PDB file of N, CA and C in Angstrom:
ATOM      1  N   MET A   1     201.148 119.362 168.562  1.00  0.00           N
ATOM      2  CA  MET A   1     202.131 120.125 168.177  1.00  0.00           C
ATOM      3  C   MET A   1     202.707 119.980 166.954  1.00  0.00           C
ATOM      4  N   THR A   2     202.774 120.877 166.367  1.00  0.00           N
ATOM      5  CA  THR A   2     203.345 120.901 164.538  1.00  0.00           C
ATOM      6  C   THR A   2     205.372 120.681 164.379  1.00  0.00           C
ATOM      7  N   LYS A   3     205.108 119.862 163.826  1.00  0.00           N
ATOM      8  CA  LYS A   3     206.484 119.113 163.564  1.00  0.00           C
ATOM      9  C   LYS A   3     207.009 120.540 162.589  1.00  0.00           C
ATOM     10  N   ILE A   4     208.188 121.082 162.683  1.00  0.00           N
ATOM     11  CA  ILE A   4     208.915 122.144 162.023  1.00  0.00           C
ATOM     12  C   ILE A   4     209.906 121.737 161.086  1.00  0.00           C
ATOM     13  N   ILE A   5     209.755 121.979 159.805  1.00  0.00           N
ATOM     14  CA  ILE A   5     210.916 120.985 159.147  1.00  0.00           C
ATOM     15  C   ILE A   5     211.591 122.206 158.253  1.00  0.00           C
ATOM     16  N   PRO A   6     212.727 122.158 158.318  1.00  0.00           N
ATOM     17  CA  PRO A   6     213.720 123.278 158.156  1.00  0.00           C
ATOM     18  C   PRO A   6     213.983 123.453 156.571  1.00  0.00           C
ATOM     19  N   GLY A   7     214.447 124.640 156.105  1.00  0.00           N
ATOM     20  CA  GLY A   7     214.565 124.694 154.847  1.00  0.00           C
ATOM     21  C   GLY A   7     213.754 125.248 153.671  1.00  0.00           C
ATOM     22  N   LEU A   8     213.987 126.297 152.934  1.00  0.00           N
ATOM     23  CA  LEU A   8     213.035 126.467 151.961  1.00  0.00           C
ATOM     24  C   LEU A   8     212.723 125.997 150.614  1.00  0.00           C
ATOM     25  N   TYR A   9     211.760 126.266 149.850  1.00  0.00           N
ATOM     26  CA  TYR A   9     211.667 125.745 148.510  1.00  0.00           C
ATOM     27  C   TYR A   9     212.844 126.331 147.601  1.00  0.00           C
ATOM     28  N   PRO A  10     213.347 125.745 146.961  1.00  0.00           N
ATOM     29  CA  PRO A  10     213.536 124.551 146.461  1.00  0.00           C
ATOM     30  C   PRO A  10     214.128 123.365 146.889  1.00  0.00           C
ATOM     31  N   ASP A  11     214.751 123.511 148.017  1.00  0.00           N
ATOM     32  CA  ASP A  11     215.510 122.688 148.752  1.00  0.00           C
ATOM     33  C   ASP A  11     214.603 121.449 149.475  1.00  0.00           C
ATOM     34  N   ARG A  12     213.654 121.924 149.884  1.00  0.00           N
ATOM     35  CA  ARG A  12     212.863 121.453 150.759  1.00  0.00           C
ATOM     36  C   ARG A  12     211.318 121.482 150.274  1.00  0.00           C
ATOM     37  N   ARG A  13     210.657 120.165 149.816  1.00  0.00           N
ATOM     38  CA  ARG A  13     209.473 120.142 148.915  1.00  0.00           C
ATOM     39  C   ARG A  13     208.746 118.764 149.783  1.00  0.00           C
ATOM     40  N   LEU A  14     207.807 119.395 150.047  1.00  0.00           N
ATOM     41  CA  LEU A  14     206.786 118.507 151.044  1.00  0.00           C
ATOM     42  C   LEU A  14     205.978 117.556 150.246  1.00  0.00           C
ATOM     43  N   ARG A  15     206.595 116.170 150.247  1.00  0.00           N
ATOM     44  CA  ARG A  15     205.907 114.898 148.969  1.00  0.00           C
ATOM     45  C   ARG A  15     204.989 114.362 149.737  1.00  0.00           C
ATOM     46  N   ARG A  16     204.199 114.508 150.794  1.00  0.00           N
ATOM     47  CA  ARG A  16     203.611 113.649 151.375  1.00  0.00           C
ATOM     48  C   ARG A  16     202.445 113.031 150.683  1.00  0.00           C
ATOM     49  N   THR A  17     201.957 114.017 149.739  1.00  0.00           N
ATOM     50  CA  THR A  17     200.657 113.511 149.227  1.00  0.00           C
ATOM     51  C   THR A  17     201.098 112.536 147.899  1.00  0.00           C
ATOM     52  N   ARG A  18     202.276 112.515 147.812  1.00  0.00           N
ATOM     53  CA  ARG A  18     202.649 111.734 146.373  1.00  0.00           C
ATOM     54  C   ARG A  18     203.401 110.107 146.974  1.00  0.00           C
ATOM     55  N   SER A  19     203.227 109.766 148.555  1.00  0.00           N
ATOM     56  CA  SER A  19     203.574 108.500 148.859  1.00  0.00           C
ATOM     57  C   SER A  19     202.933 107.464 148.359  1.00  0.00           C
ATOM     58  N   HIS A  20     201.683 107.672 147.915  1.00  0.00           N
ATOM     59  CA  HIS A  20     200.641 106.316 147.823  1.00  0.00           C
ATOM     60  C   HIS A  20     199.994 106.884 146.227  1.00  0.00           C
ATOM     61  N   SER A  21     199.913 105.937 145.415  1.00  0.00           N
ATOM     62  CA  SER A  21     199.418 105.553 144.281  1.00  0.00           C
ATOM     63  C   SER A  21     198.106 106.500 144.098  1.00  0.00           C
ATOM     64  N   PHE A  22     197.051 106.021 145.349  1.00  0.00           N
ATOM     65  CA  PHE A  22     195.689 106.824 145.251  1.00  0.00           C
ATOM     66  C   PHE A  22     195.885 108.197 145.762  1.00  0.00           C
ATOM     67  N   SER A  23     196.731 108.492 146.252  1.00  0.00           N
ATOM     68  CA  SER A  23     196.948 109.970 146.501  1.00  0.00           C
ATOM     69  C   SER A  23     197.344 111.008 145.176  1.00  0.00           C
ATOM     70  N   ARG A  24     198.340 110.467 144.807  1.00  0.00           N
ATOM     71  CA  ARG A  24     198.935 111.210 143.720  1.00  0.00           C
ATOM     72  C   ARG A  24     197.851 111.284 142.569  1.00  0.00           C
ATOM     73  N   ARG A  25     197.000 110.192 142.189  1.00  0.00           N
ATOM     74  CA  ARG A  25     195.709 110.412 141.451  1.00  0.00           C
ATOM     75  C   ARG A  25     194.532 111.406 142.020  1.00  0.00           C
ATOM     76  N   LEU A  26     194.749 111.604 143.243  1.00  0.00           N
ATOM     77  CA  LEU A  26     193.518 112.670 143.835  1.00  0.00           C
ATOM     78  C   LEU A  26     194.381 113.624 143.468  1.00  0.00           C
ATOM     79  N   VAL A  27     195.395 114.263 143.648  1.00  0.00           N
ATOM     80  CA  VAL A  27     196.069 115.728 143.679  1.00  0.00           C
ATOM     81  C   VAL A  27     196.609 115.575 142.180  1.00  0.00           C
ATOM     82  N   ALA A  28     196.586 115.033 141.241  1.00  0.00           N
ATOM     83  CA  ALA A  28     196.780 115.472 139.993  1.00  0.00           C
ATOM     84  C   ALA A  28     196.604 116.392 139.301  1.00  0.00           C
ATOM     85  N   GLU A  29     197.152 116.827 138.640  1.00  0.00           N
ATOM     86  CA  GLU A  29     196.493 118.572 137.693  1.00  0.00           C
ATOM     87  C   GLU A  29     195.873 117.933 136.521  1.00  0.00           C
ATOM     88  N   ASN A  30     196.399 117.116 135.987  1.00  0.00           N
ATOM     89  CA  ASN A  30     195.676 116.896 134.714  1.00  0.00           C
ATOM     90  C   ASN A  30     195.560 115.370 134.382  1.00  0.00           C
ATOM     91  N   SER A  31     194.257 114.850 133.755  1.00  0.00           N
ATOM     92  CA  SER A  31     194.165 113.444 133.698  1.00  0.00           C
ATOM     93  C   SER A  31     193.781 113.481 132.043  1.00  0.00           C
ATOM     94  N   LEU A  32     194.303 112.481 131.410  1.00  0.00           N
ATOM     95  CA  LEU A  32     194.018 112.511 129.962  1.00  0.00           C
ATOM     96  C   LEU A  32     193.030 111.126 129.865  1.00  0.00           C
ATOM     97  N   SER A  33     191.801 111.275 128.844  1.00  0.00           N
ATOM     98  CA  SER A  33     190.826 109.900 128.618  1.00  0.00           C
ATOM     99  C   SER A  33     190.695 110.129 127.027  1.00  0.00           C
ATOM    100  N   THR A  34     190.244 109.117 126.840  1.00  0.00           N
ATOM    101  CA  THR A  34     189.473 109.189 125.131  1.00  0.00           C
ATOM    102  C   THR A  34     188.655 110.484 125.012  1.00  0.00           C
ATOM    103  N   ASP A  35     187.756 110.837 126.017  1.00  0.00           N
ATOM    104  CA  ASP A  35     187.188 112.073 126.088  1.00  0.00           C
ATOM    105  C   ASP A  35     187.937 113.455 125.339  1.00  0.00           C
ATOM    106  N   ASP A  36     189.138 113.521 125.451  1.00  0.00           N
ATOM    107  CA  ASP A  36     189.981 114.627 125.324  1.00  0.00           C
ATOM    108  C   ASP A  36     190.674 114.653 123.915  1.00  0.00           C
ATOM    109  N   LEU A  37     190.212 113.370 123.031  1.00  0.00           N
ATOM    110  CA  LEU A  37     191.172 113.278 122.140  1.00  0.00           C
ATOM    111  C   LEU A  37     190.353 113.870 120.829  1.00  0.00           C
ATOM    112  N   ILE A  38     190.980 114.093 119.876  1.00  0.00           N
ATOM    113  CA  ILE A  38     190.273 114.349 118.342  1.00  0.00           C
ATOM    114  C   ILE A  38     191.027 113.584 117.453  1.00  0.00           C
ATOM    115  N   TYR A  39     190.739 112.934 116.657  1.00  0.00           N
ATOM    116  CA  TYR A  39     191.352 112.008 115.552  1.00  0.00           C
ATOM    117  C   TYR A  39     191.155 112.811 114.291  1.00  0.00           C
ATOM    118  N   PRO A  40     192.624 112.884 113.775  1.00  0.00           N
ATOM    119  CA  PRO A  40     192.678 113.838 112.393  1.00  0.00           C
ATOM    120  C   PRO A  40     192.394 112.625 111.504  1.00  0.00           C
ATOM    121  N   ILE A  41     191.175 112.962 110.455  1.00  0.00           N
ATOM    122  CA  ILE A  41     191.232 112.435 109.109  1.00  0.00           C
ATOM    123  C   ILE A  41     191.748 113.085 107.743  1.00  0.00           C
ATOM    124  N   PHE A  42     192.507 112.857 107.037  1.00  0.00           N
ATOM    125  CA  PHE A  42     192.423 113.295 105.966  1.00  0.00           C
ATOM    126  C   PHE A  42     191.841 112.873 104.568  1.00  0.00           C
ATOM    127  N   ILE A  43     191.061 113.628 104.159  1.00  0.00           N
ATOM    128  CA  ILE A  43     190.320 113.016 102.930  1.00  0.00           C
ATOM    129  C   ILE A  43     190.402 113.366 101.384  1.00  0.00           C
ATOM    130  N   THR A  44     190.003 113.022 100.729  1.00  0.00           N
ATOM    131  CA  THR A  44     189.959 113.059  99.451  1.00  0.00           C
ATOM    132  C   THR A  44     188.714 112.442  98.331  1.00  0.00           C
ATOM    133  N   GLU A  45     188.461 113.003  97.029  1.00  0.00           N
ATOM    134  CA  GLU A  45     187.849 112.313  96.238  1.00  0.00           C
ATOM    135  C   GLU A  45     188.018 111.246  95.728  1.00  0.00           C
ATOM    136  N   GLY A  46     187.155 110.382  95.367  1.00  0.00           N
ATOM    137  CA  GLY A  46     187.249 108.708  94.707  1.00  0.00           C
ATOM    138  C   GLY A  46     186.275 108.215  95.323  1.00  0.00           C
ATOM    139  N   ILE A  47     186.199 106.740  95.042  1.00  0.00           N
ATOM    140  CA  ILE A  47     185.732 105.479  95.918  1.00  0.00           C
ATOM    141  C   ILE A  47     186.846 104.447  96.044  1.00  0.00           C
ATOM    142  N   ARG A  48     186.815 104.093  97.139  1.00  0.00           N
ATOM    143  CA  ARG A  48     187.953 102.851  97.608  1.00  0.00           C
ATOM    144  C   ARG A  48     189.478 103.625  97.314  1.00  0.00           C
ATOM    145  N   VAL A  49     189.402 104.994  97.626  1.00  0.00           N
ATOM    146  CA  VAL A  49     190.973 105.615  97.611  1.00  0.00           C
ATOM    147  C   VAL A  49     191.273 105.640  99.041  1.00  0.00           C
ATOM    148  N   LYS A  50     192.559 105.163  98.942  1.00  0.00           N
ATOM    149  CA  LYS A  50     193.911 105.244 100.366  1.00  0.00           C
ATOM    150  C   LYS A  50     195.026 105.609  99.620  1.00  0.00           C
ATOM    151  N   GLY A  51     195.141 106.693  99.671  1.00  0.00           N
ATOM    152  CA  GLY A  51     196.526 107.647  99.014  1.00  0.00           C
ATOM    153  C   GLY A  51     197.108 107.694 100.274  1.00  0.00           C
ATOM    154  N   LYS A  52     198.790 107.624 100.125  1.00  0.00           N
ATOM    155  CA  LYS A  52     199.676 107.730 100.874  1.00  0.00           C
ATOM    156  C   LYS A  52     199.518 109.431 100.925  1.00  0.00           C
ATOM    157  N   ILE A  53     200.227 109.800 101.801  1.00  0.00           N
ATOM    158  CA  ILE A  53     200.773 111.320 101.847  1.00  0.00           C
ATOM    159  C   ILE A  53     202.292 111.098 102.313  1.00  0.00           C
ATOM    160  N   PRO A  54     202.890 111.854 101.231  1.00  0.00           N
ATOM    161  CA  PRO A  54     204.597 111.415 101.129  1.00  0.00           C
ATOM    162  C   PRO A  54     205.004 112.192 102.489  1.00  0.00           C
ATOM    163  N   SER A  55     204.578 113.497 103.404  1.00  0.00           N
ATOM    164  CA  SER A  55     205.209 114.200 104.135  1.00  0.00           C
ATOM    165  C   SER A  55     204.815 113.518 105.418  1.00  0.00           C
ATOM    166  N   MET A  56     204.096 112.660 105.624  1.00  0.00           N
ATOM    167  CA  MET A  56     203.503 111.635 106.694  1.00  0.00           C
ATOM    168  C   MET A  56     203.347 110.232 106.443  1.00  0.00           C
ATOM    169  N   PRO A  57     204.237 109.752 107.053  1.00  0.00           N
ATOM    170  CA  PRO A  57     204.377 108.206 106.790  1.00  0.00           C
ATOM    171  C   PRO A  57     203.517 107.524 107.359  1.00  0.00           C
ATOM    172  N   ASN A  58     202.736 106.482 107.105  1.00  0.00           N
ATOM    173  CA  ASN A  58     201.571 105.746 107.995  1.00  0.00           C
ATOM    174  C   ASN A  58     200.288 106.815 107.925  1.00  0.00           C
ATOM    175  N   VAL A  59     200.085 107.634 107.183  1.00  0.00           N
ATOM    176  CA  VAL A  59     198.914 108.548 107.356  1.00  0.00           C
ATOM    177  C   VAL A  59     198.467 108.679 105.867  1.00  0.00           C
ATOM    178  N   TYR A  60     197.248 108.441 105.616  1.00  0.00           N
ATOM    179  CA  TYR A  60     196.452 108.082 104.352  1.00  0.00           C
ATOM    180  C   TYR A  60     195.404 109.327 104.103  1.00  0.00           C
ATOM    181  N   ARG A  61     195.187 109.679 103.089  1.00  0.00           N
ATOM    182  CA  ARG A  61     194.086 110.378 102.030  1.00  0.00           C
ATOM    183  C   ARG A  61     192.871 109.273 101.902  1.00  0.00           C
ATOM    184  N   LEU A  62     191.678 109.305 102.636  1.00  0.00           N
ATOM    185  CA  LEU A  62     190.821 108.470 102.294  1.00  0.00           C
ATOM    186  C   LEU A  62     189.319 109.195 101.741  1.00  0.00           C
ATOM    187  N   SER A  63     188.827 108.226 100.774  1.00  0.00           N
ATOM    188  CA  SER A  63     188.196 108.837  99.891  1.00  0.00           C
ATOM    189  C   SER A  63     186.679 108.395 100.998  1.00  0.00           C
ATOM    190  N   ILE A  64     185.560 108.939 100.873  1.00  0.00           N
ATOM    191  CA  ILE A  64     184.260 109.179 101.647  1.00  0.00           C
ATOM    192  C   ILE A  64     183.801 107.624 102.012  1.00  0.00           C
ATOM    193  N   ASP A  65     183.927 107.038 101.368  1.00  0.00           N
ATOM    194  CA  ASP A  65     183.279 105.507 101.402  1.00  0.00           C
ATOM    195  C   ASP A  65     184.111 105.191 102.703  1.00  0.00           C
ATOM    196  N   MET A  66     185.473 105.030 102.583  1.00  0.00           N
ATOM    197  CA  MET A  66     186.887 104.264 103.325  1.00  0.00           C
ATOM    198  C   MET A  66     186.598 105.728 104.994  1.00  0.00           C
ATOM    199  N   LEU A  67     186.155 106.690 104.827  1.00  0.00           N
ATOM    200  CA  LEU A  67     186.200 107.781 106.047  1.00  0.00           C
ATOM    201  C   LEU A  67     185.179 106.836 106.690  1.00  0.00           C
ATOM    202  N   VAL A  68     183.936 106.846 106.260  1.00  0.00           N
ATOM    203  CA  VAL A  68     182.998 106.068 107.065  1.00  0.00           C
ATOM    204  C   VAL A  68     183.542 105.320 107.980  1.00  0.00           C
ATOM    205  N   GLU A  69     184.073 104.095 107.449  1.00  0.00           N
ATOM    206  CA  GLU A  69     184.592 103.027 107.817  1.00  0.00           C
ATOM    207  C   GLU A  69     185.230 103.362 109.182  1.00  0.00           C
ATOM    208  N   GLU A  70     186.159 104.135 109.054  1.00  0.00           N
ATOM    209  CA  GLU A  70     187.047 105.020 109.878  1.00  0.00           C
ATOM    210  C   GLU A  70     186.535 105.528 110.676  1.00  0.00           C
ATOM    211  N   ALA A  71     186.043 106.286 110.482  1.00  0.00           N
ATOM    212  CA  ALA A  71     184.708 106.696 111.712  1.00  0.00           C
ATOM    213  C   ALA A  71     184.236 105.865 112.376  1.00  0.00           C
ATOM    214  N   ILE A  72     183.275 105.049 112.145  1.00  0.00           N
ATOM    215  CA  ILE A  72     182.592 103.789 112.887  1.00  0.00           C
ATOM    216  C   ILE A  72     183.923 103.201 113.599  1.00  0.00           C
ATOM    217  N   GLN A  73     184.789 102.819 113.256  1.00  0.00           N
ATOM    218  CA  GLN A  73     185.979 102.247 114.339  1.00  0.00           C
ATOM    219  C   GLN A  73     186.493 103.309 115.432  1.00  0.00           C
ATOM    220  N   VAL A  74     186.505 104.735 115.148  1.00  0.00           N
ATOM    221  CA  VAL A  74     186.991 105.441 115.891  1.00  0.00           C
ATOM    222  C   VAL A  74     186.087 105.947 116.653  1.00  0.00           C
ATOM    223  N   TYR A  75     184.727 106.090 116.485  1.00  0.00           N
ATOM    224  CA  TYR A  75     183.821 106.116 117.847  1.00  0.00           C
ATOM    225  C   TYR A  75     183.684 104.972 118.575  1.00  0.00           C
ATOM    226  N   GLN A  76     183.697 103.978 118.045  1.00  0.00           N
ATOM    227  CA  GLN A  76     183.823 102.434 119.157  1.00  0.00           C
ATOM    228  C   GLN A  76     184.536 102.220 119.609  1.00  0.00           C
ATOM    229  N   LEU A  77     185.977 103.103 119.473  1.00  0.00           N
ATOM    230  CA  LEU A  77     186.936 103.144 120.274  1.00  0.00           C
ATOM    231  C   LEU A  77     186.878 104.117 121.580  1.00  0.00           C
ATOM    232  N   GLY A  78     185.647 104.919 121.467  1.00  0.00           N
ATOM    233  CA  GLY A  78     185.499 106.351 122.321  1.00  0.00           C
ATOM    234  C   GLY A  78     185.978 107.428 122.158  1.00  0.00           C
ATOM    235  N   VAL A  79     186.645 107.702 120.983  1.00  0.00           N
ATOM    236  CA  VAL A  79     186.866 109.015 120.730  1.00  0.00           C
ATOM    237  C   VAL A  79     185.571 109.609 120.156  1.00  0.00           C
ATOM    238  N   PRO A  80     185.678 110.984 120.975  1.00  0.00           N
ATOM    239  CA  PRO A  80     184.221 111.511 120.513  1.00  0.00           C
ATOM    240  C   PRO A  80     184.367 112.735 119.303  1.00  0.00           C
ATOM    241  N   VAL A  81     185.747 112.924 118.899  1.00  0.00           N
ATOM    242  CA  VAL A  81     185.147 114.127 117.913  1.00  0.00           C
ATOM    243  C   VAL A  81     186.276 113.384 116.631  1.00  0.00           C
ATOM    244  N   ILE A  82     186.128 113.850 115.450  1.00  0.00           N
ATOM    245  CA  ILE A  82     187.239 113.680 114.400  1.00  0.00           C
ATOM    246  C   ILE A  82     187.231 115.153 113.473  1.00  0.00           C
ATOM    247  N   ALA A  83     188.364 115.236 113.306  1.00  0.00           N
ATOM    248  CA  ALA A  83     188.730 116.659 112.547  1.00  0.00           C
ATOM    249  C   ALA A  83     188.977 116.083 110.871  1.00  0.00           C
ATOM    250  N   LEU A  84     188.406 116.702 110.358  1.00  0.00           N
ATOM    251  CA  LEU A  84     188.508 116.447 108.433  1.00  0.00           C
ATOM    252  C   LEU A  84     189.527 117.483 107.808  1.00  0.00           C
ATOM    253  N   PHE A  85     190.314 116.989 107.226  1.00  0.00           N
ATOM    254  CA  PHE A  85     191.223 117.882 106.224  1.00  0.00           C
ATOM    255  C   PHE A  85     191.205 117.457 104.893  1.00  0.00           C
ATOM    256  N   PRO A  86     190.217 118.111 104.012  1.00  0.00           N
ATOM    257  CA  PRO A  86     190.067 117.548 102.702  1.00  0.00           C
ATOM    258  C   PRO A  86     191.325 118.152 101.549  1.00  0.00           C
ATOM    259  N   TYR A  87     191.462 117.117 100.854  1.00  0.00           N
ATOM    260  CA  TYR A  87     192.435 117.637  99.790  1.00  0.00           C
ATOM    261  C   TYR A  87     191.844 118.269  98.763  1.00  0.00           C
ATOM    262  N   ILE A  88     191.675 119.600  98.464  1.00  0.00           N
ATOM    263  CA  ILE A  88     191.060 119.935  96.964  1.00  0.00           C
ATOM    264  C   ILE A  88     192.399 120.459  95.866  1.00  0.00           C
ATOM    265  N   GLY A  89     191.942 119.786  95.158  1.00  0.00           N
ATOM    266  CA  GLY A  89     192.403 120.010  93.784  1.00  0.00           C
ATOM    267  C   GLY A  89     193.188 121.375  93.444  1.00  0.00           C
ATOM    268  N   ARG A  90     193.868 121.428  92.903  1.00  0.00           N
ATOM    269  CA  ARG A  90     194.437 123.246  92.219  1.00  0.00           C
ATOM    270  C   ARG A  90     193.151 123.546  91.451  1.00  0.00           C
ATOM    271  N   ASP A  91     192.617 123.149  90.351  1.00  0.00           N
ATOM    272  CA  ASP A  91     191.802 123.157  89.682  1.00  0.00           C
ATOM    273  C   ASP A  91     190.229 123.666  90.317  1.00  0.00           C
ATOM    274  N   GLN A  92     190.046 123.241  91.727  1.00  0.00           N
ATOM    275  CA  GLN A  92     188.784 123.476  92.256  1.00  0.00           C
ATOM    276  C   GLN A  92     189.243 125.204  93.511  1.00  0.00           C
ATOM    277  N   LYS A  93     190.518 125.288  93.301  1.00  0.00           N
ATOM    278  CA  LYS A  93     190.898 126.451  94.298  1.00  0.00           C
ATOM    279  C   LYS A  93     191.248 128.091  93.537  1.00  0.00           C
ATOM    280  N   SER A  94     190.218 128.711  94.473  1.00  0.00           N
ATOM    281  CA  SER A  94     190.346 129.782  93.845  1.00  0.00           C
ATOM    282  C   SER A  94     190.264 131.129  94.573  1.00  0.00           C
ATOM    283  N   LEU A  95     190.663 132.368  94.509  1.00  0.00           N
ATOM    284  CA  LEU A  95     191.323 133.717  95.149  1.00  0.00           C
ATOM    285  C   LEU A  95     189.826 133.831  96.256  1.00  0.00           C
ATOM    286  N   THR A  96     188.867 133.527  96.115  1.00  0.00           N
ATOM    287  CA  THR A  96     187.409 133.746  96.860  1.00  0.00           C
ATOM    288  C   THR A  96     186.952 132.471  97.488  1.00  0.00           C
ATOM    289  N   ALA A  97     187.875 131.343  97.506  1.00  0.00           N
ATOM    290  CA  ALA A  97     187.597 129.751  98.094  1.00  0.00           C
ATOM    291  C   ALA A  97     186.210 129.523  97.859  1.00  0.00           C
ATOM    292  N   ASP A  98     185.815 129.882  96.587  1.00  0.00           N
ATOM    293  CA  ASP A  98     184.242 129.318  95.815  1.00  0.00           C
ATOM    294  C   ASP A  98     183.850 127.453  96.503  1.00  0.00           C
ATOM    295  N   GLU A  99     184.809 126.972  96.250  1.00  0.00           N
ATOM    296  CA  GLU A  99     184.696 125.510  96.965  1.00  0.00           C
ATOM    297  C   GLU A  99     184.452 125.313  98.374  1.00  0.00           C
ATOM    298  N   ALA A 100     184.934 126.313  99.036  1.00  0.00           N
ATOM    299  CA  ALA A 100     184.466 126.027 100.291  1.00  0.00           C
ATOM    300  C   ALA A 100     182.754 126.424 100.581  1.00  0.00           C
ATOM    301  N   PHE A 101     182.365 127.309  99.507  1.00  0.00           N
ATOM    302  CA  PHE A 101     180.971 127.344  99.581  1.00  0.00           C
ATOM    303  C   PHE A 101     179.908 126.368  98.904  1.00  0.00           C
ATOM    304  N   ASN A 102     180.609 125.243  98.313  1.00  0.00           N
ATOM    305  CA  ASN A 102     180.041 124.570  97.517  1.00  0.00           C
ATOM    306  C   ASN A 102     179.080 123.403  98.228  1.00  0.00           C
ATOM    307  N   PRO A 103     177.970 123.542  98.130  1.00  0.00           N
ATOM    308  CA  PRO A 103     177.082 122.734  98.998  1.00  0.00           C
ATOM    309  C   PRO A 103     177.325 121.018  98.545  1.00  0.00           C
ATOM    310  N   LEU A 104     177.728 121.287  97.612  1.00  0.00           N
ATOM    311  CA  LEU A 104     178.005 119.811  96.781  1.00  0.00           C
ATOM    312  C   LEU A 104     179.489 119.282  97.324  1.00  0.00           C
ATOM    313  N   GLY A 105     180.326 119.997  97.558  1.00  0.00           N
ATOM    314  CA  GLY A 105     181.762 119.804  97.725  1.00  0.00           C
ATOM    315  C   GLY A 105     182.293 118.683  98.604  1.00  0.00           C
ATOM    316  N   LEU A 106     183.332 118.263  98.765  1.00  0.00           N
ATOM    317  CA  LEU A 106     183.750 117.326  99.609  1.00  0.00           C
ATOM    318  C   LEU A 106     183.482 117.106 101.007  1.00  0.00           C
ATOM    319  N   ILE A 107     183.399 118.310 101.784  1.00  0.00           N
ATOM    320  CA  ILE A 107     183.500 118.205 103.212  1.00  0.00           C
ATOM    321  C   ILE A 107     181.983 118.156 103.446  1.00  0.00           C
ATOM    322  N   PRO A 108     180.998 119.114 102.725  1.00  0.00           N
ATOM    323  CA  PRO A 108     179.660 118.838 103.125  1.00  0.00           C
ATOM    324  C   PRO A 108     179.137 117.180 102.951  1.00  0.00           C
ATOM    325  N   ARG A 109     179.708 116.721 101.819  1.00  0.00           N
ATOM    326  CA  ARG A 109     179.366 114.994 101.492  1.00  0.00           C
ATOM    327  C   ARG A 109     179.701 114.063 102.255  1.00  0.00           C
ATOM    328  N   ALA A 110     180.864 114.492 103.021  1.00  0.00           N
ATOM    329  CA  ALA A 110     181.450 113.703 103.964  1.00  0.00           C
ATOM    330  C   ALA A 110     180.962 113.983 105.433  1.00  0.00           C
ATOM    331  N   ILE A 111     180.846 114.964 105.623  1.00  0.00           N
ATOM    332  CA  ILE A 111     179.950 114.960 106.997  1.00  0.00           C
ATOM    333  C   ILE A 111     178.396 114.698 106.684  1.00  0.00           C
ATOM    334  N   THR A 112     177.935 114.560 105.880  1.00  0.00           N
ATOM    335  CA  THR A 112     176.405 113.790 105.598  1.00  0.00           C
ATOM    336  C   THR A 112     176.693 112.315 105.759  1.00  0.00           C
ATOM    337  N   ALA A 113     177.468 111.883 105.052  1.00  0.00           N
ATOM    338  CA  ALA A 113     178.012 110.212 105.354  1.00  0.00           C
ATOM    339  C   ALA A 113     178.237 110.048 106.570  1.00  0.00           C
ATOM    340  N   ILE A 114     179.228 111.090 106.912  1.00  0.00           N
ATOM    341  CA  ILE A 114     179.289 110.547 108.618  1.00  0.00           C
ATOM    342  C   ILE A 114     178.342 110.483 109.404  1.00  0.00           C
ATOM    343  N   LYS A 115     177.601 111.517 109.220  1.00  0.00           N
ATOM    344  CA  LYS A 115     176.397 111.549 110.350  1.00  0.00           C
ATOM    345  C   LYS A 115     175.158 110.452 109.846  1.00  0.00           C
ATOM    346  N   LYS A 116     175.288 110.261 108.787  1.00  0.00           N
ATOM    347  CA  LYS A 116     174.217 109.143 108.594  1.00  0.00           C
ATOM    348  C   LYS A 116     174.514 107.782 109.146  1.00  0.00           C
ATOM    349  N   SER A 117     176.128 107.540 109.613  1.00  0.00           N
ATOM    350  CA  SER A 117     176.471 106.399 109.941  1.00  0.00           C
ATOM    351  C   SER A 117     176.460 106.256 111.305  1.00  0.00           C
ATOM    352  N   VAL A 118     177.467 107.060 111.674  1.00  0.00           N
ATOM    353  CA  VAL A 118     177.581 107.869 113.261  1.00  0.00           C
ATOM    354  C   VAL A 118     177.243 109.026 113.552  1.00  0.00           C
ATOM    355  N   PRO A 119     175.681 108.907 113.902  1.00  0.00           N
ATOM    356  CA  PRO A 119     175.349 110.588 114.334  1.00  0.00           C
ATOM    357  C   PRO A 119     175.622 111.120 115.607  1.00  0.00           C
ATOM    358  N   ASN A 120     176.461 110.392 116.461  1.00  0.00           N
ATOM    359  CA  ASN A 120     176.702 110.830 117.869  1.00  0.00           C
ATOM    360  C   ASN A 120     178.386 111.257 117.711  1.00  0.00           C
ATOM    361  N   LEU A 121     178.921 111.078 116.691  1.00  0.00           N
ATOM    362  CA  LEU A 121     180.334 111.582 116.354  1.00  0.00           C
ATOM    363  C   LEU A 121     180.207 112.757 116.115  1.00  0.00           C
ATOM    364  N   GLY A 122     181.316 113.642 117.158  1.00  0.00           N
ATOM    365  CA  GLY A 122     181.395 115.062 116.440  1.00  0.00           C
ATOM    366  C   GLY A 122     182.340 115.356 115.172  1.00  0.00           C
ATOM    367  N   VAL A 123     182.045 116.246 114.594  1.00  0.00           N
ATOM    368  CA  VAL A 123     182.989 116.507 113.423  1.00  0.00           C
ATOM    369  C   VAL A 123     183.432 118.030 113.293  1.00  0.00           C
ATOM    370  N   LEU A 124     184.813 118.123 113.509  1.00  0.00           N
ATOM    371  CA  LEU A 124     185.395 119.299 113.082  1.00  0.00           C
ATOM    372  C   LEU A 124     185.972 119.606 111.509  1.00  0.00           C
ATOM    373  N   THR A 125     185.566 120.869 111.362  1.00  0.00           N
ATOM    374  CA  THR A 125     186.229 121.019 110.022  1.00  0.00           C
ATOM    375  C   THR A 125     186.993 122.621 109.801  1.00  0.00           C
TER     376      THR A 125
END
């Protein structure tokens, strides 16, 4: 025999699957883990450079050598991907984006350094 519960949604919401922690986890629509994270890193030219970004407190632009140290730590924490955001000087910018095609540019050198140290870390550019 089925029990009839009067009322219609939204006045009546059947929450029987939420009474215990295990059942809430079973029916959860979303779960977030380190597998879902992408770690942004801002990079710049130089050696041992950790420059402040005025518009973002506690966020820094790192030179490639410091970028590699950061990438190793991020990978050890279980984050699978980093996203690189380069700081390109005004003198290197052009209407045809020539620096983006430079094989010796900041991004190609950064990716090469990361892949030498942490080959399984994903890199987005």
